[in-house]
Amino acid sequence: AEAYDSSKHKVDVEYYLPRHYQNP
């Protein structure tokens, strides 16, 4: 947290992966 706050470059992002189904 402290390193993030004091850094020059930052990204704060959220990613989503949906359900996947095996289909042999």
mmCIF file of all heavy atoms, coordinates in Angstrom:
data_MODEL
# 
_entry.id   MODEL 
# 
loop_
_atom_site.group_PDB 
_atom_site.id 
_atom_site.type_symbol 
_atom_site.label_atom_id 
_atom_site.label_alt_id 
_atom_site.label_comp_id 
_atom_site.label_asym_id 
_atom_site.label_entity_id 
_atom_site.label_seq_id 
_atom_site.pdbx_PDB_ins_code 
_atom_site.Cartn_x 
_atom_site.Cartn_y 
_atom_site.Cartn_z 
_atom_site.occupancy 
_atom_site.B_iso_or_equiv 
_atom_site.pdbx_formal_charge 
_atom_site.auth_seq_id 
_atom_site.auth_comp_id 
_atom_site.auth_asym_id 
_atom_site.auth_atom_id 
_atom_site.pdbx_PDB_model_num 
ATOM 1   N N   . ALA A 1 1  ? 0.834   -1.213  0.000   1.00 0.00 ? 1  ALA A N   1 
ATOM 2   C CA  . ALA A 1 1  ? 0.000   0.000   0.000   1.00 0.00 ? 1  ALA A CA  1 
ATOM 3   C C   . ALA A 1 1  ? 0.864   1.257   0.000   1.00 0.00 ? 1  ALA A C   1 
ATOM 4   O O   . ALA A 1 1  ? 0.638   2.199   -0.774  1.00 0.00 ? 1  ALA A O   1 
ATOM 5   C CB  . ALA A 1 1  ? -0.937  -0.013  1.201   1.00 0.00 ? 1  ALA A CB  1 
ATOM 6   N N   . GLU A 1 2  ? 1.861   1.297   0.868   1.00 0.00 ? 2  GLU A N   1 
ATOM 7   C CA  . GLU A 1 2  ? 2.717   2.487   0.955   1.00 0.00 ? 2  GLU A CA  1 
ATOM 8   C C   . GLU A 1 2  ? 3.525   2.663   -0.326  1.00 0.00 ? 2  GLU A C   1 
ATOM 9   O O   . GLU A 1 2  ? 3.675   3.788   -0.843  1.00 0.00 ? 2  GLU A O   1 
ATOM 10  C CB  . GLU A 1 2  ? 3.657   2.345   2.160   1.00 0.00 ? 2  GLU A CB  1 
ATOM 11  C CG  . GLU A 1 2  ? 4.400   3.639   2.541   1.00 0.00 ? 2  GLU A CG  1 
ATOM 12  C CD  . GLU A 1 2  ? 5.607   3.909   1.654   1.00 0.00 ? 2  GLU A CD  1 
ATOM 13  O OE1 . GLU A 1 2  ? 6.240   2.933   1.182   1.00 0.00 ? 2  GLU A OE1 1 
ATOM 14  O OE2 . GLU A 1 2  ? 5.916   5.101   1.438   1.00 0.00 ? 2  GLU A OE2 1 
ATOM 15  N N   . ALA A 1 3  ? 4.043   1.550   -0.874  1.00 0.00 ? 3  ALA A N   1 
ATOM 16  C CA  . ALA A 1 3  ? 4.830   1.626   -2.095  1.00 0.00 ? 3  ALA A CA  1 
ATOM 17  C C   . ALA A 1 3  ? 3.979   2.109   -3.267  1.00 0.00 ? 3  ALA A C   1 
ATOM 18  O O   . ALA A 1 3  ? 4.446   2.883   -4.106  1.00 0.00 ? 3  ALA A O   1 
ATOM 19  C CB  . ALA A 1 3  ? 5.442   0.261   -2.403  1.00 0.00 ? 3  ALA A CB  1 
ATOM 20  N N   . TYR A 1 4  ? 2.737   1.660   -3.289  1.00 0.00 ? 4  TYR A N   1 
ATOM 21  C CA  . TYR A 1 4  ? 1.826   2.102   -4.354  1.00 0.00 ? 4  TYR A CA  1 
ATOM 22  C C   . TYR A 1 4  ? 1.592   3.604   -4.263  1.00 0.00 ? 4  TYR A C   1 
ATOM 23  O O   . TYR A 1 4  ? 1.673   4.330   -5.266  1.00 0.00 ? 4  TYR A O   1 
ATOM 24  C CB  . TYR A 1 4  ? 0.505   1.338   -4.245  1.00 0.00 ? 4  TYR A CB  1 
ATOM 25  C CG  . TYR A 1 4  ? -0.520  1.725   -5.291  1.00 0.00 ? 4  TYR A CG  1 
ATOM 26  C CD1 . TYR A 1 4  ? -0.517  1.122   -6.543  1.00 0.00 ? 4  TYR A CD1 1 
ATOM 27  C CD2 . TYR A 1 4  ? -1.497  2.689   -5.025  1.00 0.00 ? 4  TYR A CD2 1 
ATOM 28  C CE1 . TYR A 1 4  ? -1.457  1.466   -7.510  1.00 0.00 ? 4  TYR A CE1 1 
ATOM 29  C CE2 . TYR A 1 4  ? -2.434  3.043   -5.980  1.00 0.00 ? 4  TYR A CE2 1 
ATOM 30  C CZ  . TYR A 1 4  ? -2.410  2.432   -7.217  1.00 0.00 ? 4  TYR A CZ  1 
ATOM 31  O OH  . TYR A 1 4  ? -3.344  2.793   -8.159  1.00 0.00 ? 4  TYR A OH  1 
ATOM 32  N N   . ASP A 1 5  ? 1.282   4.075   -3.071  1.00 0.00 ? 5  ASP A N   1 
ATOM 33  C CA  . ASP A 1 5  ? 0.978   5.500   -2.891  1.00 0.00 ? 5  ASP A CA  1 
ATOM 34  C C   . ASP A 1 5  ? 2.145   6.400   -3.284  1.00 0.00 ? 5  ASP A C   1 
ATOM 35  O O   . ASP A 1 5  ? 1.950   7.513   -3.783  1.00 0.00 ? 5  ASP A O   1 
ATOM 36  C CB  . ASP A 1 5  ? 0.590   5.770   -1.438  1.00 0.00 ? 5  ASP A CB  1 
ATOM 37  C CG  . ASP A 1 5  ? -0.765  5.156   -1.072  1.00 0.00 ? 5  ASP A CG  1 
ATOM 38  O OD1 . ASP A 1 5  ? -1.549  4.887   -2.008  1.00 0.00 ? 5  ASP A OD1 1 
ATOM 39  O OD2 . ASP A 1 5  ? -1.002  4.925   0.128   1.00 0.00 ? 5  ASP A OD2 1 
ATOM 40  N N   . SER A 1 6  ? 3.363   5.929   -3.079  1.00 0.00 ? 6  SER A N   1 
ATOM 41  C CA  . SER A 1 6  ? 4.534   6.767   -3.324  1.00 0.00 ? 6  SER A CA  1 
ATOM 42  C C   . SER A 1 6  ? 5.149   6.563   -4.709  1.00 0.00 ? 6  SER A C   1 
ATOM 43  O O   . SER A 1 6  ? 6.189   7.151   -5.010  1.00 0.00 ? 6  SER A O   1 
ATOM 44  C CB  . SER A 1 6  ? 5.600   6.494   -2.251  1.00 0.00 ? 6  SER A CB  1 
ATOM 45  O OG  . SER A 1 6  ? 6.026   5.144   -2.302  1.00 0.00 ? 6  SER A OG  1 
ATOM 46  N N   . SER A 1 7  ? 4.525   5.766   -5.538  1.00 0.00 ? 7  SER A N   1 
ATOM 47  C CA  . SER A 1 7  ? 5.105   5.446   -6.844  1.00 0.00 ? 7  SER A CA  1 
ATOM 48  C C   . SER A 1 7  ? 4.747   6.479   -7.904  1.00 0.00 ? 7  SER A C   1 
ATOM 49  O O   . SER A 1 7  ? 3.713   7.149   -7.833  1.00 0.00 ? 7  SER A O   1 
ATOM 50  C CB  . SER A 1 7  ? 4.642   4.061   -7.306  1.00 0.00 ? 7  SER A CB  1 
ATOM 51  O OG  . SER A 1 7  ? 5.168   3.053   -6.483  1.00 0.00 ? 7  SER A OG  1 
ATOM 52  N N   . LYS A 1 8  ? 5.591   6.536   -8.927  1.00 0.00 ? 8  LYS A N   1 
ATOM 53  C CA  . LYS A 1 8  ? 5.401   7.469   -10.036 1.00 0.00 ? 8  LYS A CA  1 
ATOM 54  C C   . LYS A 1 8  ? 4.277   7.014   -10.961 1.00 0.00 ? 8  LYS A C   1 
ATOM 55  O O   . LYS A 1 8  ? 3.413   7.777   -11.355 1.00 0.00 ? 8  LYS A O   1 
ATOM 56  C CB  . LYS A 1 8  ? 6.714   7.580   -10.819 1.00 0.00 ? 8  LYS A CB  1 
ATOM 57  C CG  . LYS A 1 8  ? 6.638   8.378   -12.103 1.00 0.00 ? 8  LYS A CG  1 
ATOM 58  C CD  . LYS A 1 8  ? 6.459   9.859   -11.868 1.00 0.00 ? 8  LYS A CD  1 
ATOM 59  C CE  . LYS A 1 8  ? 6.544   10.630  -13.181 1.00 0.00 ? 8  LYS A CE  1 
ATOM 60  N NZ  . LYS A 1 8  ? 6.320   12.080  -13.002 1.00 0.00 ? 8  LYS A NZ  1 
ATOM 61  N N   . HIS A 1 9  ? 4.286   5.730   -11.344 1.00 0.00 ? 9  HIS A N   1 
ATOM 62  C CA  . HIS A 1 9  ? 3.309   5.213   -12.302 1.00 0.00 ? 9  HIS A CA  1 
ATOM 63  C C   . HIS A 1 9  ? 2.435   4.156   -11.625 1.00 0.00 ? 9  HIS A C   1 
ATOM 64  O O   . HIS A 1 9  ? 2.951   3.289   -10.897 1.00 0.00 ? 9  HIS A O   1 
ATOM 65  C CB  . HIS A 1 9  ? 4.018   4.606   -13.515 1.00 0.00 ? 9  HIS A CB  1 
ATOM 66  C CG  . HIS A 1 9  ? 4.884   5.585   -14.244 1.00 0.00 ? 9  HIS A CG  1 
ATOM 67  N ND1 . HIS A 1 9  ? 4.379   6.678   -14.909 1.00 0.00 ? 9  HIS A ND1 1 
ATOM 68  C CD2 . HIS A 1 9  ? 6.237   5.637   -14.391 1.00 0.00 ? 9  HIS A CD2 1 
ATOM 69  C CE1 . HIS A 1 9  ? 5.367   7.367   -15.448 1.00 0.00 ? 9  HIS A CE1 1 
ATOM 70  N NE2 . HIS A 1 9  ? 6.512   6.760   -15.143 1.00 0.00 ? 9  HIS A NE2 1 
ATOM 71  N N   . LYS A 1 10 ? 1.129   4.224   -11.895 1.00 0.00 ? 10 LYS A N   1 
ATOM 72  C CA  . LYS A 1 10 ? 0.199   3.331   -11.208 1.00 0.00 ? 10 LYS A CA  1 
ATOM 73  C C   . LYS A 1 10 ? -0.907  2.868   -12.161 1.00 0.00 ? 10 LYS A C   1 
ATOM 74  O O   . LYS A 1 10 ? -1.283  3.586   -13.083 1.00 0.00 ? 10 LYS A O   1 
ATOM 75  C CB  . LYS A 1 10 ? -0.477  4.047   -10.032 1.00 0.00 ? 10 LYS A CB  1 
ATOM 76  C CG  . LYS A 1 10 ? 0.459   4.695   -9.039  1.00 0.00 ? 10 LYS A CG  1 
ATOM 77  C CD  . LYS A 1 10 ? -0.338  5.516   -8.024  1.00 0.00 ? 10 LYS A CD  1 
ATOM 78  C CE  . LYS A 1 10 ? 0.591   6.290   -7.101  1.00 0.00 ? 10 LYS A CE  1 
ATOM 79  N NZ  . LYS A 1 10 ? -0.162  7.135   -6.141  1.00 0.00 ? 10 LYS A NZ  1 
ATOM 80  N N   . VAL A 1 11 ? -1.411  1.677   -11.901 1.00 0.00 ? 11 VAL A N   1 
ATOM 81  C CA  . VAL A 1 11 ? -2.657  1.223   -12.525 1.00 0.00 ? 11 VAL A CA  1 
ATOM 82  C C   . VAL A 1 11 ? -3.510  0.578   -11.440 1.00 0.00 ? 11 VAL A C   1 
ATOM 83  O O   . VAL A 1 11 ? -2.995  -0.119  -10.558 1.00 0.00 ? 11 VAL A O   1 
ATOM 84  C CB  . VAL A 1 11 ? -2.435  0.228   -13.686 1.00 0.00 ? 11 VAL A CB  1 
ATOM 85  C CG1 . VAL A 1 11 ? -1.724  0.893   -14.847 1.00 0.00 ? 11 VAL A CG1 1 
ATOM 86  C CG2 . VAL A 1 11 ? -1.688  -1.011  -13.237 1.00 0.00 ? 11 VAL A CG2 1 
ATOM 87  N N   . ASP A 1 12 ? -4.802  0.818   -11.493 1.00 0.00 ? 12 ASP A N   1 
ATOM 88  C CA  . ASP A 1 12 ? -5.775  0.248   -10.564 1.00 0.00 ? 12 ASP A CA  1 
ATOM 89  C C   . ASP A 1 12 ? -6.902  -0.288  -11.436 1.00 0.00 ? 12 ASP A C   1 
ATOM 90  O O   . ASP A 1 12 ? -7.733  0.478   -11.939 1.00 0.00 ? 12 ASP A O   1 
ATOM 91  C CB  . ASP A 1 12 ? -6.277  1.319   -9.595  1.00 0.00 ? 12 ASP A CB  1 
ATOM 92  C CG  . ASP A 1 12 ? -7.211  0.761   -8.523  1.00 0.00 ? 12 ASP A CG  1 
ATOM 93  O OD1 . ASP A 1 12 ? -7.621  -0.417  -8.653  1.00 0.00 ? 12 ASP A OD1 1 
ATOM 94  O OD2 . ASP A 1 12 ? -7.528  1.501   -7.577  1.00 0.00 ? 12 ASP A OD2 1 
ATOM 95  N N   . VAL A 1 13 ? -6.907  -1.591  -11.666 1.00 0.00 ? 13 VAL A N   1 
ATOM 96  C CA  . VAL A 1 13 ? -7.777  -2.157  -12.699 1.00 0.00 ? 13 VAL A CA  1 
ATOM 97  C C   . VAL A 1 13 ? -8.507  -3.402  -12.192 1.00 0.00 ? 13 VAL A C   1 
ATOM 98  O O   . VAL A 1 13 ? -8.101  -4.030  -11.215 1.00 0.00 ? 13 VAL A O   1 
ATOM 99  C CB  . VAL A 1 13 ? -6.961  -2.513  -13.967 1.00 0.00 ? 13 VAL A CB  1 
ATOM 100 C CG1 . VAL A 1 13 ? -6.551  -1.252  -14.708 1.00 0.00 ? 13 VAL A CG1 1 
ATOM 101 C CG2 . VAL A 1 13 ? -5.712  -3.326  -13.607 1.00 0.00 ? 13 VAL A CG2 1 
ATOM 102 N N   . GLU A 1 14 ? -9.578  -3.742  -12.914 1.00 0.00 ? 14 GLU A N   1 
ATOM 103 C CA  . GLU A 1 14 ? -10.400 -4.896  -12.553 1.00 0.00 ? 14 GLU A CA  1 
ATOM 104 C C   . GLU A 1 14 ? -10.665 -5.710  -13.817 1.00 0.00 ? 14 GLU A C   1 
ATOM 105 O O   . GLU A 1 14 ? -11.007 -5.154  -14.864 1.00 0.00 ? 14 GLU A O   1 
ATOM 106 C CB  . GLU A 1 14 ? -11.721 -4.413  -11.943 1.00 0.00 ? 14 GLU A CB  1 
ATOM 107 C CG  . GLU A 1 14 ? -12.616 -5.512  -11.413 1.00 0.00 ? 14 GLU A CG  1 
ATOM 108 C CD  . GLU A 1 14 ? -13.828 -4.946  -10.674 1.00 0.00 ? 14 GLU A CD  1 
ATOM 109 O OE1 . GLU A 1 14 ? -13.672 -4.503  -9.517  1.00 0.00 ? 14 GLU A OE1 1 
ATOM 110 O OE2 . GLU A 1 14 ? -14.919 -4.919  -11.270 1.00 0.00 ? 14 GLU A OE2 1 
ATOM 111 N N   . TYR A 1 15 ? -10.504 -7.017  -13.700 1.00 0.00 ? 15 TYR A N   1 
ATOM 112 C CA  . TYR A 1 15 ? -10.703 -7.911  -14.840 1.00 0.00 ? 15 TYR A CA  1 
ATOM 113 C C   . TYR A 1 15 ? -11.714 -8.993  -14.470 1.00 0.00 ? 15 TYR A C   1 
ATOM 114 O O   . TYR A 1 15 ? -11.766 -9.452  -13.323 1.00 0.00 ? 15 TYR A O   1 
ATOM 115 C CB  . TYR A 1 15 ? -9.390  -8.585  -15.244 1.00 0.00 ? 15 TYR A CB  1 
ATOM 116 C CG  . TYR A 1 15 ? -8.330  -7.620  -15.708 1.00 0.00 ? 15 TYR A CG  1 
ATOM 117 C CD1 . TYR A 1 15 ? -7.408  -7.087  -14.802 1.00 0.00 ? 15 TYR A CD1 1 
ATOM 118 C CD2 . TYR A 1 15 ? -8.253  -7.231  -17.034 1.00 0.00 ? 15 TYR A CD2 1 
ATOM 119 C CE1 . TYR A 1 15 ? -6.441  -6.194  -15.215 1.00 0.00 ? 15 TYR A CE1 1 
ATOM 120 C CE2 . TYR A 1 15 ? -7.283  -6.335  -17.465 1.00 0.00 ? 15 TYR A CE2 1 
ATOM 121 C CZ  . TYR A 1 15 ? -6.384  -5.818  -16.547 1.00 0.00 ? 15 TYR A CZ  1 
ATOM 122 O OH  . TYR A 1 15 ? -5.424  -4.931  -16.960 1.00 0.00 ? 15 TYR A OH  1 
ATOM 123 N N   . TYR A 1 16 ? -12.475 -9.417  -15.483 1.00 0.00 ? 16 TYR A N   1 
ATOM 124 C CA  . TYR A 1 16 ? -13.493 -10.443 -15.234 1.00 0.00 ? 16 TYR A CA  1 
ATOM 125 C C   . TYR A 1 16 ? -13.375 -11.554 -16.269 1.00 0.00 ? 16 TYR A C   1 
ATOM 126 O O   . TYR A 1 16 ? -13.243 -11.314 -17.468 1.00 0.00 ? 16 TYR A O   1 
ATOM 127 C CB  . TYR A 1 16 ? -14.890 -9.843  -15.301 1.00 0.00 ? 16 TYR A CB  1 
ATOM 128 C CG  . TYR A 1 16 ? -15.991 -10.863 -15.062 1.00 0.00 ? 16 TYR A CG  1 
ATOM 129 C CD1 . TYR A 1 16 ? -16.207 -11.392 -13.786 1.00 0.00 ? 16 TYR A CD1 1 
ATOM 130 C CD2 . TYR A 1 16 ? -16.795 -11.305 -16.113 1.00 0.00 ? 16 TYR A CD2 1 
ATOM 131 C CE1 . TYR A 1 16 ? -17.206 -12.335 -13.567 1.00 0.00 ? 16 TYR A CE1 1 
ATOM 132 C CE2 . TYR A 1 16 ? -17.791 -12.242 -15.900 1.00 0.00 ? 16 TYR A CE2 1 
ATOM 133 C CZ  . TYR A 1 16 ? -17.994 -12.759 -14.627 1.00 0.00 ? 16 TYR A CZ  1 
ATOM 134 O OH  . TYR A 1 16 ? -18.977 -13.689 -14.408 1.00 0.00 ? 16 TYR A OH  1 
ATOM 135 N N   . LEU A 1 17 ? -13.418 -12.777 -15.757 1.00 0.00 ? 17 LEU A N   1 
ATOM 136 C CA  . LEU A 1 17 ? -13.403 -13.976 -16.599 1.00 0.00 ? 17 LEU A CA  1 
ATOM 137 C C   . LEU A 1 17 ? -14.706 -14.725 -16.361 1.00 0.00 ? 17 LEU A C   1 
ATOM 138 O O   . LEU A 1 17 ? -15.029 -15.048 -15.211 1.00 0.00 ? 17 LEU A O   1 
ATOM 139 C CB  . LEU A 1 17 ? -12.213 -14.870 -16.222 1.00 0.00 ? 17 LEU A CB  1 
ATOM 140 C CG  . LEU A 1 17 ? -12.023 -16.144 -17.042 1.00 0.00 ? 17 LEU A CG  1 
ATOM 141 C CD1 . LEU A 1 17 ? -11.360 -15.824 -18.365 1.00 0.00 ? 17 LEU A CD1 1 
ATOM 142 C CD2 . LEU A 1 17 ? -11.171 -17.152 -16.269 1.00 0.00 ? 17 LEU A CD2 1 
ATOM 143 N N   . PRO A 1 18 ? -15.500 -15.015 -17.407 1.00 0.00 ? 18 PRO A N   1 
ATOM 144 C CA  . PRO A 1 18 ? -16.763 -15.746 -17.209 1.00 0.00 ? 18 PRO A CA  1 
ATOM 145 C C   . PRO A 1 18 ? -16.530 -17.236 -17.029 1.00 0.00 ? 18 PRO A C   1 
ATOM 146 O O   . PRO A 1 18 ? -15.408 -17.721 -17.098 1.00 0.00 ? 18 PRO A O   1 
ATOM 147 C CB  . PRO A 1 18 ? -17.514 -15.460 -18.511 1.00 0.00 ? 18 PRO A CB  1 
ATOM 148 C CG  . PRO A 1 18 ? -16.426 -15.363 -19.537 1.00 0.00 ? 18 PRO A CG  1 
ATOM 149 C CD  . PRO A 1 18 ? -15.258 -14.707 -18.828 1.00 0.00 ? 18 PRO A CD  1 
ATOM 150 N N   . ARG A 1 19 ? -17.617 -17.969 -16.804 1.00 0.00 ? 19 ARG A N   1 
ATOM 151 C CA  . ARG A 1 19 ? -17.517 -19.427 -16.722 1.00 0.00 ? 19 ARG A CA  1 
ATOM 152 C C   . ARG A 1 19 ? -17.093 -19.999 -18.073 1.00 0.00 ? 19 ARG A C   1 
ATOM 153 O O   . ARG A 1 19 ? -17.532 -19.544 -19.124 1.00 0.00 ? 19 ARG A O   1 
ATOM 154 C CB  . ARG A 1 19 ? -18.877 -20.032 -16.354 1.00 0.00 ? 19 ARG A CB  1 
ATOM 155 C CG  . ARG A 1 19 ? -19.377 -19.700 -14.973 1.00 0.00 ? 19 ARG A CG  1 
ATOM 156 C CD  . ARG A 1 19 ? -20.729 -20.367 -14.731 1.00 0.00 ? 19 ARG A CD  1 
ATOM 157 N NE  . ARG A 1 19 ? -21.207 -20.086 -13.393 1.00 0.00 ? 19 ARG A NE  1 
ATOM 158 C CZ  . ARG A 1 19 ? -22.023 -19.084 -13.077 1.00 0.00 ? 19 ARG A CZ  1 
ATOM 159 N NH1 . ARG A 1 19 ? -22.452 -18.268 -14.024 1.00 0.00 ? 19 ARG A NH1 1 
ATOM 160 N NH2 . ARG A 1 19 ? -22.410 -18.890 -11.839 1.00 0.00 ? 19 ARG A NH2 1 
ATOM 161 N N   . HIS A 1 20 ? -16.255 -21.017 -18.006 1.00 0.00 ? 20 HIS A N   1 
ATOM 162 C CA  . HIS A 1 20 ? -15.868 -21.767 -19.200 1.00 0.00 ? 20 HIS A CA  1 
ATOM 163 C C   . HIS A 1 20 ? -16.214 -23.234 -18.983 1.00 0.00 ? 20 HIS A C   1 
ATOM 164 O O   . HIS A 1 20 ? -16.106 -23.749 -17.859 1.00 0.00 ? 20 HIS A O   1 
ATOM 165 C CB  . HIS A 1 20 ? -14.368 -21.638 -19.468 1.00 0.00 ? 20 HIS A CB  1 
ATOM 166 C CG  . HIS A 1 20 ? -13.940 -20.279 -19.885 1.00 0.00 ? 20 HIS A CG  1 
ATOM 167 N ND1 . HIS A 1 20 ? -12.633 -19.838 -19.829 1.00 0.00 ? 20 HIS A ND1 1 
ATOM 168 C CD2 . HIS A 1 20 ? -14.650 -19.235 -20.377 1.00 0.00 ? 20 HIS A CD2 1 
ATOM 169 C CE1 . HIS A 1 20 ? -12.554 -18.596 -20.264 1.00 0.00 ? 20 HIS A CE1 1 
ATOM 170 N NE2 . HIS A 1 20 ? -13.754 -18.205 -20.597 1.00 0.00 ? 20 HIS A NE2 1 
ATOM 171 N N   . TYR A 1 21 ? -16.587 -23.903 -20.053 1.00 0.00 ? 21 TYR A N   1 
ATOM 172 C CA  . TYR A 1 21 ? -16.977 -25.312 -19.961 1.00 0.00 ? 21 TYR A CA  1 
ATOM 173 C C   . TYR A 1 21 ? -16.107 -26.170 -20.871 1.00 0.00 ? 21 TYR A C   1 
ATOM 174 O O   . TYR A 1 21 ? -15.908 -25.854 -22.043 1.00 0.00 ? 21 TYR A O   1 
ATOM 175 C CB  . TYR A 1 21 ? -18.449 -25.485 -20.345 1.00 0.00 ? 21 TYR A CB  1 
ATOM 176 C CG  . TYR A 1 21 ? -19.388 -24.905 -19.319 1.00 0.00 ? 21 TYR A CG  1 
ATOM 177 C CD1 . TYR A 1 21 ? -19.711 -23.553 -19.334 1.00 0.00 ? 21 TYR A CD1 1 
ATOM 178 C CD2 . TYR A 1 21 ? -19.917 -25.695 -18.300 1.00 0.00 ? 21 TYR A CD2 1 
ATOM 179 C CE1 . TYR A 1 21 ? -20.548 -23.004 -18.377 1.00 0.00 ? 21 TYR A CE1 1 
ATOM 180 C CE2 . TYR A 1 21 ? -20.759 -25.151 -17.335 1.00 0.00 ? 21 TYR A CE2 1 
ATOM 181 C CZ  . TYR A 1 21 ? -21.065 -23.810 -17.383 1.00 0.00 ? 21 TYR A CZ  1 
ATOM 182 O OH  . TYR A 1 21 ? -21.891 -23.269 -16.427 1.00 0.00 ? 21 TYR A OH  1 
ATOM 183 N N   . GLN A 1 22 ? -15.588 -27.288 -20.311 1.00 0.00 ? 22 GLN A N   1 
ATOM 184 C CA  . GLN A 1 22 ? -14.846 -28.241 -21.125 1.00 0.00 ? 22 GLN A CA  1 
ATOM 185 C C   . GLN A 1 22 ? -15.816 -28.897 -22.103 1.00 0.00 ? 22 GLN A C   1 
ATOM 186 O O   . GLN A 1 22 ? -16.931 -29.238 -21.732 1.00 0.00 ? 22 GLN A O   1 
ATOM 187 C CB  . GLN A 1 22 ? -14.204 -29.334 -20.263 1.00 0.00 ? 22 GLN A CB  1 
ATOM 188 C CG  . GLN A 1 22 ? -13.163 -28.821 -19.291 1.00 0.00 ? 22 GLN A CG  1 
ATOM 189 C CD  . GLN A 1 22 ? -13.681 -28.714 -17.878 1.00 0.00 ? 22 GLN A CD  1 
ATOM 190 O OE1 . GLN A 1 22 ? -14.845 -28.463 -17.687 1.00 0.00 ? 22 GLN A OE1 1 
ATOM 191 N NE2 . GLN A 1 22 ? -12.817 -28.897 -16.900 1.00 0.00 ? 22 GLN A NE2 1 
ATOM 192 N N   . ASN A 1 23 ? -15.380 -29.071 -23.306 1.00 0.00 ? 23 ASN A N   1 
ATOM 193 C CA  . ASN A 1 23 ? -16.214 -29.766 -24.283 1.00 0.00 ? 23 ASN A CA  1 
ATOM 194 C C   . ASN A 1 23 ? -15.390 -30.776 -25.079 1.00 0.00 ? 23 ASN A C   1 
ATOM 195 O O   . ASN A 1 23 ? -15.188 -30.617 -26.279 1.00 0.00 ? 23 ASN A O   1 
ATOM 196 C CB  . ASN A 1 23 ? -16.878 -28.758 -25.222 1.00 0.00 ? 23 ASN A CB  1 
ATOM 197 C CG  . ASN A 1 23 ? -18.213 -28.269 -24.693 1.00 0.00 ? 23 ASN A CG  1 
ATOM 198 O OD1 . ASN A 1 23 ? -19.197 -29.002 -24.715 1.00 0.00 ? 23 ASN A OD1 1 
ATOM 199 N ND2 . ASN A 1 23 ? -18.234 -27.049 -24.184 1.00 0.00 ? 23 ASN A ND2 1 
ATOM 200 N N   . PRO A 1 24 ? -14.889 -31.815 -24.416 1.00 0.00 ? 24 PRO A N   1 
ATOM 201 C CA  . PRO A 1 24 ? -14.169 -32.861 -25.151 1.00 0.00 ? 24 PRO A CA  1 
ATOM 202 C C   . PRO A 1 24 ? -15.098 -33.543 -26.149 1.00 0.00 ? 24 PRO A C   1 
ATOM 203 O O   . PRO A 1 24 ? -16.320 -33.571 -25.956 1.00 0.00 ? 24 PRO A O   1 
ATOM 204 C CB  . PRO A 1 24 ? -13.724 -33.822 -24.045 1.00 0.00 ? 24 PRO A CB  1 
ATOM 205 C CG  . PRO A 1 24 ? -14.692 -33.601 -22.932 1.00 0.00 ? 24 PRO A CG  1 
ATOM 206 C CD  . PRO A 1 24 ? -15.037 -32.140 -22.985 1.00 0.00 ? 24 PRO A CD  1 
# 
